[in-house]
């Protein structure tokens, strides 16, 4: 049997470790602290999982309503095409200026020739 100094944590007796009271108390404290942190992390993970599940359900509901709206709009467009009304005239008039802003402004190719002559 070998005894250790006060700084050492255990005493070995043929592969069995014996701890002094202070070292054992410190080890229990560290394990309790780690266990408390793990439980807090587990609760936080569970809360996040529940929030994600709620968001998933909400997003599926939004997706389903958008799919229904898409089908309705396709039906309207098909009806308008059937009576030969251009779809562009059916669009919201507020969308047209935005689309025009995005077009690239190109000068006519003969502007330089006019200036030179």
N, C-alpha and C. Protein backbone atom coordinates (compact mmCIF):
# COMPACT_ATOMS: atom_id res chain seq x y z
N UNK A 1 0.83 -1.16 0.00
CA UNK A 1 0.00 0.00 0.00
C UNK A 1 0.89 1.24 0.00
N UNK A 2 0.57 2.16 -0.89
CA UNK A 2 1.36 3.38 -0.94
C UNK A 2 0.49 4.54 -0.50
N UNK A 3 1.06 5.37 0.32
CA UNK A 3 0.30 6.53 0.77
C UNK A 3 0.77 7.74 -0.01
N UNK A 4 -0.13 8.65 -0.23
CA UNK A 4 0.23 9.84 -0.99
C UNK A 4 0.30 11.03 -0.06
N UNK A 5 0.91 12.08 -0.54
CA UNK A 5 0.99 13.28 0.27
C UNK A 5 -0.36 13.98 0.29
N UNK A 6 -0.47 15.10 0.99
CA UNK A 6 -1.74 15.80 1.09
C UNK A 6 -2.19 16.35 -0.26
N UNK A 7 -1.26 16.65 -1.17
CA UNK A 7 -1.59 17.18 -2.49
C UNK A 7 -2.20 16.12 -3.39
N UNK A 8 -1.88 14.89 -3.19
CA UNK A 8 -2.40 13.82 -4.02
C UNK A 8 -3.85 13.53 -3.67
N UNK A 9 -4.60 13.02 -4.66
CA UNK A 9 -6.03 12.82 -4.47
C UNK A 9 -6.36 11.46 -3.89
N UNK A 10 -5.58 10.46 -4.15
CA UNK A 10 -6.01 9.13 -3.73
C UNK A 10 -4.85 8.30 -3.19
N UNK A 11 -5.24 7.23 -2.57
CA UNK A 11 -4.29 6.25 -2.07
C UNK A 11 -4.58 4.95 -2.78
N UNK A 12 -3.58 4.31 -3.36
CA UNK A 12 -3.82 3.09 -4.13
C UNK A 12 -3.52 1.87 -3.29
N UNK A 13 -4.46 0.94 -3.30
CA UNK A 13 -4.24 -0.36 -2.67
C UNK A 13 -4.72 -1.40 -3.66
N UNK A 14 -3.80 -1.96 -4.38
CA UNK A 14 -4.07 -3.00 -5.37
C UNK A 14 -5.29 -2.67 -6.24
N UNK A 15 -5.18 -1.62 -7.04
CA UNK A 15 -6.16 -1.14 -8.02
C UNK A 15 -7.47 -0.63 -7.40
N UNK A 16 -7.50 -0.39 -6.09
CA UNK A 16 -8.65 0.22 -5.44
C UNK A 16 -8.19 1.57 -4.93
N UNK A 17 -8.91 2.64 -5.31
CA UNK A 17 -8.50 3.97 -4.88
C UNK A 17 -9.33 4.40 -3.68
N UNK A 18 -8.65 4.94 -2.71
CA UNK A 18 -9.32 5.47 -1.53
C UNK A 18 -9.06 6.97 -1.49
N UNK A 19 -10.09 7.75 -1.29
CA UNK A 19 -9.99 9.20 -1.28
C UNK A 19 -10.09 9.72 0.13
N UNK A 20 -9.40 10.83 0.39
CA UNK A 20 -9.62 11.46 1.68
C UNK A 20 -10.89 12.28 1.60
N UNK A 21 -11.39 12.73 2.73
CA UNK A 21 -12.71 13.37 2.81
C UNK A 21 -12.76 14.68 2.01
N UNK A 22 -11.72 15.49 2.07
CA UNK A 22 -11.70 16.77 1.37
C UNK A 22 -11.68 16.57 -0.14
N UNK A 23 -10.84 15.66 -0.61
CA UNK A 23 -10.75 15.39 -2.05
C UNK A 23 -12.06 14.84 -2.58
N UNK A 24 -12.67 13.94 -1.81
CA UNK A 24 -13.95 13.37 -2.22
C UNK A 24 -15.03 14.45 -2.26
N UNK A 25 -15.03 15.34 -1.29
CA UNK A 25 -15.99 16.44 -1.29
C UNK A 25 -15.81 17.35 -2.49
N UNK A 26 -14.54 17.64 -2.83
CA UNK A 26 -14.26 18.48 -4.01
C UNK A 26 -14.74 17.80 -5.29
N UNK A 27 -14.48 16.49 -5.38
CA UNK A 27 -14.89 15.76 -6.58
C UNK A 27 -16.42 15.73 -6.70
N UNK A 28 -17.12 15.51 -5.58
CA UNK A 28 -18.59 15.52 -5.58
C UNK A 28 -19.10 16.90 -5.99
N UNK A 29 -18.46 17.96 -5.50
CA UNK A 29 -18.87 19.32 -5.85
C UNK A 29 -18.72 19.57 -7.35
N UNK A 30 -17.57 19.15 -7.92
CA UNK A 30 -17.34 19.32 -9.36
C UNK A 30 -18.36 18.55 -10.18
N UNK A 31 -18.63 17.32 -9.78
CA UNK A 31 -19.60 16.50 -10.51
C UNK A 31 -21.02 17.07 -10.38
N UNK A 32 -21.35 17.58 -9.21
CA UNK A 32 -22.67 18.20 -9.01
C UNK A 32 -22.81 19.44 -9.88
N UNK A 33 -21.76 20.24 -9.94
CA UNK A 33 -21.77 21.44 -10.78
C UNK A 33 -21.92 21.07 -12.25
N UNK A 34 -21.16 20.06 -12.69
CA UNK A 34 -21.26 19.60 -14.08
C UNK A 34 -22.65 19.06 -14.37
N UNK A 35 -23.22 18.31 -13.41
CA UNK A 35 -24.56 17.75 -13.59
C UNK A 35 -25.61 18.85 -13.68
N UNK A 36 -25.46 19.89 -12.84
CA UNK A 36 -26.39 21.02 -12.87
C UNK A 36 -26.32 21.72 -14.22
N UNK A 37 -25.10 21.92 -14.73
CA UNK A 37 -24.94 22.57 -16.04
C UNK A 37 -25.53 21.71 -17.15
N UNK A 38 -25.34 20.40 -17.07
CA UNK A 38 -25.91 19.50 -18.08
C UNK A 38 -27.44 19.54 -18.05
N UNK A 39 -28.02 19.59 -16.86
CA UNK A 39 -29.48 19.67 -16.76
C UNK A 39 -30.00 20.99 -17.33
N UNK A 40 -29.28 22.09 -17.06
CA UNK A 40 -29.69 23.39 -17.61
C UNK A 40 -29.60 23.36 -19.13
N UNK A 41 -28.51 22.78 -19.65
CA UNK A 41 -28.37 22.67 -21.11
C UNK A 41 -29.47 21.80 -21.71
N UNK A 42 -29.82 20.72 -21.01
CA UNK A 42 -30.87 19.83 -21.50
C UNK A 42 -32.20 20.57 -21.55
N UNK A 43 -32.50 21.36 -20.52
CA UNK A 43 -33.75 22.11 -20.50
C UNK A 43 -33.77 23.15 -21.61
N UNK A 44 -32.65 23.82 -21.84
CA UNK A 44 -32.55 24.82 -22.90
C UNK A 44 -32.72 24.16 -24.27
N UNK A 45 -32.12 23.00 -24.44
CA UNK A 45 -32.26 22.26 -25.70
C UNK A 45 -33.71 21.86 -25.93
N UNK A 46 -34.37 21.41 -24.89
CA UNK A 46 -35.78 21.01 -25.00
C UNK A 46 -36.65 22.21 -25.36
N UNK A 47 -36.38 23.36 -24.72
CA UNK A 47 -37.14 24.57 -25.03
C UNK A 47 -36.93 24.98 -26.49
N UNK A 48 -35.69 24.90 -26.96
CA UNK A 48 -35.38 25.23 -28.35
C UNK A 48 -36.08 24.26 -29.30
N UNK A 49 -36.11 22.98 -28.95
CA UNK A 49 -36.77 21.98 -29.79
C UNK A 49 -38.27 22.27 -29.90
N UNK A 50 -38.88 22.63 -28.78
CA UNK A 50 -40.31 22.95 -28.79
C UNK A 50 -40.57 24.19 -29.65
N UNK A 51 -39.71 25.21 -29.52
CA UNK A 51 -39.86 26.42 -30.34
C UNK A 51 -39.69 26.11 -31.82
N UNK A 52 -38.74 25.26 -32.14
CA UNK A 52 -38.53 24.88 -33.55
C UNK A 52 -39.73 24.12 -34.10
N UNK A 53 -40.29 23.26 -33.28
CA UNK A 53 -41.47 22.50 -33.70
C UNK A 53 -42.65 23.45 -33.95
N UNK A 54 -42.81 24.44 -33.08
CA UNK A 54 -43.88 25.44 -33.26
C UNK A 54 -43.66 26.23 -34.53
N UNK A 55 -42.41 26.68 -34.76
CA UNK A 55 -42.10 27.42 -35.98
C UNK A 55 -42.33 26.57 -37.22
N UNK A 56 -41.97 25.30 -37.14
CA UNK A 56 -42.16 24.40 -38.27
C UNK A 56 -43.64 24.27 -38.61
N UNK A 57 -44.47 24.12 -37.59
CA UNK A 57 -45.92 24.01 -37.81
C UNK A 57 -46.47 25.30 -38.42
N UNK A 58 -46.03 26.44 -37.91
CA UNK A 58 -46.49 27.73 -38.43
C UNK A 58 -46.06 27.91 -39.88
N UNK A 59 -44.81 27.57 -40.18
CA UNK A 59 -44.31 27.73 -41.55
C UNK A 59 -45.02 26.78 -42.52
N UNK A 60 -45.35 25.58 -42.08
CA UNK A 60 -46.12 24.68 -42.95
C UNK A 60 -47.49 25.26 -43.24
N UNK A 61 -48.12 25.88 -42.23
CA UNK A 61 -49.41 26.52 -42.44
C UNK A 61 -49.30 27.66 -43.44
N UNK A 62 -48.25 28.49 -43.32
CA UNK A 62 -48.05 29.58 -44.28
C UNK A 62 -47.79 29.03 -45.67
N UNK A 63 -47.00 27.97 -45.75
CA UNK A 63 -46.70 27.37 -47.05
C UNK A 63 -47.97 26.85 -47.70
N UNK A 64 -48.80 26.19 -46.92
CA UNK A 64 -50.04 25.65 -47.48
C UNK A 64 -50.94 26.76 -47.98
N UNK A 65 -51.02 27.87 -47.24
CA UNK A 65 -51.86 28.98 -47.70
C UNK A 65 -51.28 29.61 -48.96
N UNK A 66 -49.96 29.66 -49.07
CA UNK A 66 -49.34 30.20 -50.28
C UNK A 66 -49.55 29.28 -51.48
N UNK A 67 -49.53 27.98 -51.24
CA UNK A 67 -49.79 27.04 -52.32
C UNK A 67 -51.22 27.21 -52.84
N UNK A 68 -52.16 27.38 -51.92
CA UNK A 68 -53.56 27.59 -52.32
C UNK A 68 -53.68 28.89 -53.11
N UNK A 69 -53.02 29.94 -52.63
CA UNK A 69 -53.07 31.23 -53.32
C UNK A 69 -52.45 31.12 -54.71
N UNK A 70 -51.36 30.38 -54.82
CA UNK A 70 -50.70 30.18 -56.12
C UNK A 70 -51.65 29.48 -57.09
N UNK A 71 -52.35 28.45 -56.59
CA UNK A 71 -53.30 27.74 -57.46
C UNK A 71 -54.42 28.67 -57.90
N UNK A 72 -54.91 29.52 -56.99
CA UNK A 72 -55.97 30.47 -57.35
C UNK A 72 -55.49 31.44 -58.41
N UNK A 73 -54.27 31.96 -58.25
CA UNK A 73 -53.73 32.90 -59.23
C UNK A 73 -53.51 32.22 -60.58
N UNK A 74 -53.06 30.99 -60.58
CA UNK A 74 -52.89 30.28 -61.84
C UNK A 74 -54.23 30.08 -62.53
N UNK A 75 -55.26 29.81 -61.73
CA UNK A 75 -56.59 29.66 -62.31
C UNK A 75 -57.05 30.97 -62.93
N UNK A 76 -56.82 32.10 -62.23
CA UNK A 76 -57.19 33.40 -62.78
C UNK A 76 -56.42 33.71 -64.06
N UNK A 77 -55.14 33.43 -64.06
CA UNK A 77 -54.32 33.68 -65.25
C UNK A 77 -54.81 32.82 -66.41
N UNK A 78 -55.11 31.56 -66.13
CA UNK A 78 -55.61 30.69 -67.20
C UNK A 78 -56.94 31.21 -67.74
N UNK A 79 -57.80 31.72 -66.85
CA UNK A 79 -59.08 32.28 -67.29
C UNK A 79 -58.84 33.52 -68.14
N UNK A 80 -57.91 34.36 -67.74
CA UNK A 80 -57.60 35.56 -68.52
C UNK A 80 -56.98 35.21 -69.87
N UNK A 81 -56.14 34.22 -69.90
CA UNK A 81 -55.56 33.78 -71.17
C UNK A 81 -56.63 33.19 -72.09
N UNK A 82 -57.62 32.56 -71.50
CA UNK A 82 -58.69 31.96 -72.30
C UNK A 82 -59.53 33.03 -73.00
N UNK A 83 -59.67 34.20 -72.37
CA UNK A 83 -60.46 35.26 -73.01
C UNK A 83 -59.55 36.31 -73.67
N UNK A 84 -58.25 35.97 -73.82
CA UNK A 84 -57.26 36.78 -74.54
C UNK A 84 -57.02 38.15 -73.90
N UNK A 85 -57.04 38.25 -72.62
CA UNK A 85 -56.65 39.48 -71.93
C UNK A 85 -55.19 39.30 -71.55
N UNK A 86 -54.32 40.24 -71.94
CA UNK A 86 -52.91 40.10 -71.57
C UNK A 86 -52.76 40.11 -70.04
N UNK A 87 -51.91 39.26 -69.57
CA UNK A 87 -51.72 39.13 -68.13
C UNK A 87 -51.07 40.39 -67.56
N UNK A 88 -50.23 41.05 -68.35
CA UNK A 88 -49.53 42.23 -67.84
C UNK A 88 -50.49 43.36 -67.50
N UNK A 89 -51.58 43.49 -68.22
CA UNK A 89 -52.53 44.55 -67.89
C UNK A 89 -53.30 44.20 -66.61
N UNK A 90 -53.31 42.93 -66.25
CA UNK A 90 -54.02 42.49 -65.04
C UNK A 90 -53.17 42.73 -63.80
N UNK A 91 -51.85 42.91 -63.97
CA UNK A 91 -50.97 43.05 -62.82
C UNK A 91 -51.19 44.38 -62.11
N UNK A 92 -50.72 44.43 -60.92
CA UNK A 92 -50.83 45.63 -60.09
C UNK A 92 -50.06 46.77 -60.76
N UNK A 93 -50.67 47.93 -60.95
CA UNK A 93 -49.96 49.02 -61.62
C UNK A 93 -48.78 49.55 -60.83
N UNK A 94 -48.73 49.28 -59.54
CA UNK A 94 -47.60 49.74 -58.75
C UNK A 94 -46.34 48.92 -59.02
N UNK A 95 -46.49 47.75 -59.59
CA UNK A 95 -45.32 46.92 -59.87
C UNK A 95 -44.56 47.39 -61.10
N UNK A 96 -45.22 48.01 -62.04
CA UNK A 96 -44.58 48.40 -63.30
C UNK A 96 -43.42 49.37 -63.09
N UNK A 97 -43.54 50.46 -62.30
CA UNK A 97 -42.39 51.37 -62.15
C UNK A 97 -41.19 50.69 -61.50
N UNK A 98 -41.43 49.78 -60.60
CA UNK A 98 -40.31 49.08 -59.97
C UNK A 98 -39.58 48.24 -61.00
N UNK A 99 -40.32 47.58 -61.86
CA UNK A 99 -39.71 46.76 -62.89
C UNK A 99 -38.94 47.62 -63.86
N UNK A 100 -39.45 48.82 -64.18
CA UNK A 100 -38.76 49.71 -65.10
C UNK A 100 -37.45 50.21 -64.50
N UNK A 101 -37.41 50.41 -63.19
CA UNK A 101 -36.18 50.86 -62.54
C UNK A 101 -35.07 49.83 -62.68
N UNK A 102 -35.45 48.58 -62.70
CA UNK A 102 -34.45 47.52 -62.73
C UNK A 102 -33.89 47.30 -64.13
N UNK A 103 -34.54 47.82 -65.16
CA UNK A 103 -34.03 47.66 -66.52
C UNK A 103 -32.77 48.49 -66.68
N UNK A 104 -31.83 47.96 -67.44
CA UNK A 104 -30.59 48.68 -67.68
C UNK A 104 -30.85 49.81 -68.68
N UNK A 105 -30.30 50.98 -68.39
CA UNK A 105 -30.43 52.12 -69.29
C UNK A 105 -29.30 52.04 -70.30
N UNK A 106 -29.66 51.85 -71.57
CA UNK A 106 -28.65 51.80 -72.63
C UNK A 106 -28.91 52.94 -73.60
N UNK A 107 -27.84 53.57 -73.99
CA UNK A 107 -27.96 54.62 -74.98
C UNK A 107 -28.10 54.00 -76.37
N UNK A 108 -28.80 54.66 -77.27
CA UNK A 108 -28.86 54.13 -78.64
C UNK A 108 -27.45 54.08 -79.23
N UNK A 109 -27.18 53.11 -80.10
CA UNK A 109 -25.81 52.92 -80.60
C UNK A 109 -25.33 54.06 -81.51
N UNK A 110 -26.22 54.89 -82.05
CA UNK A 110 -25.78 55.93 -82.99
C UNK A 110 -25.66 57.30 -82.35
N UNK A 111 -25.72 57.42 -81.04
CA UNK A 111 -25.59 58.72 -80.38
C UNK A 111 -24.22 59.35 -80.63
N UNK A 112 -23.17 58.53 -80.58
CA UNK A 112 -21.82 59.08 -80.81
C UNK A 112 -21.69 59.61 -82.22
N UNK A 113 -22.28 58.96 -83.20
CA UNK A 113 -22.18 59.42 -84.59
C UNK A 113 -22.87 60.77 -84.77
N UNK A 114 -24.00 60.96 -84.12
CA UNK A 114 -24.72 62.22 -84.20
C UNK A 114 -23.90 63.35 -83.61
N UNK A 115 -23.23 63.10 -82.51
CA UNK A 115 -22.41 64.13 -81.87
C UNK A 115 -21.21 64.50 -82.74
N UNK A 116 -20.61 63.51 -83.39
CA UNK A 116 -19.40 63.75 -84.21
C UNK A 116 -19.76 64.49 -85.50
N UNK A 117 -20.93 64.31 -86.05
CA UNK A 117 -21.28 64.94 -87.32
C UNK A 117 -21.84 66.27 -87.04
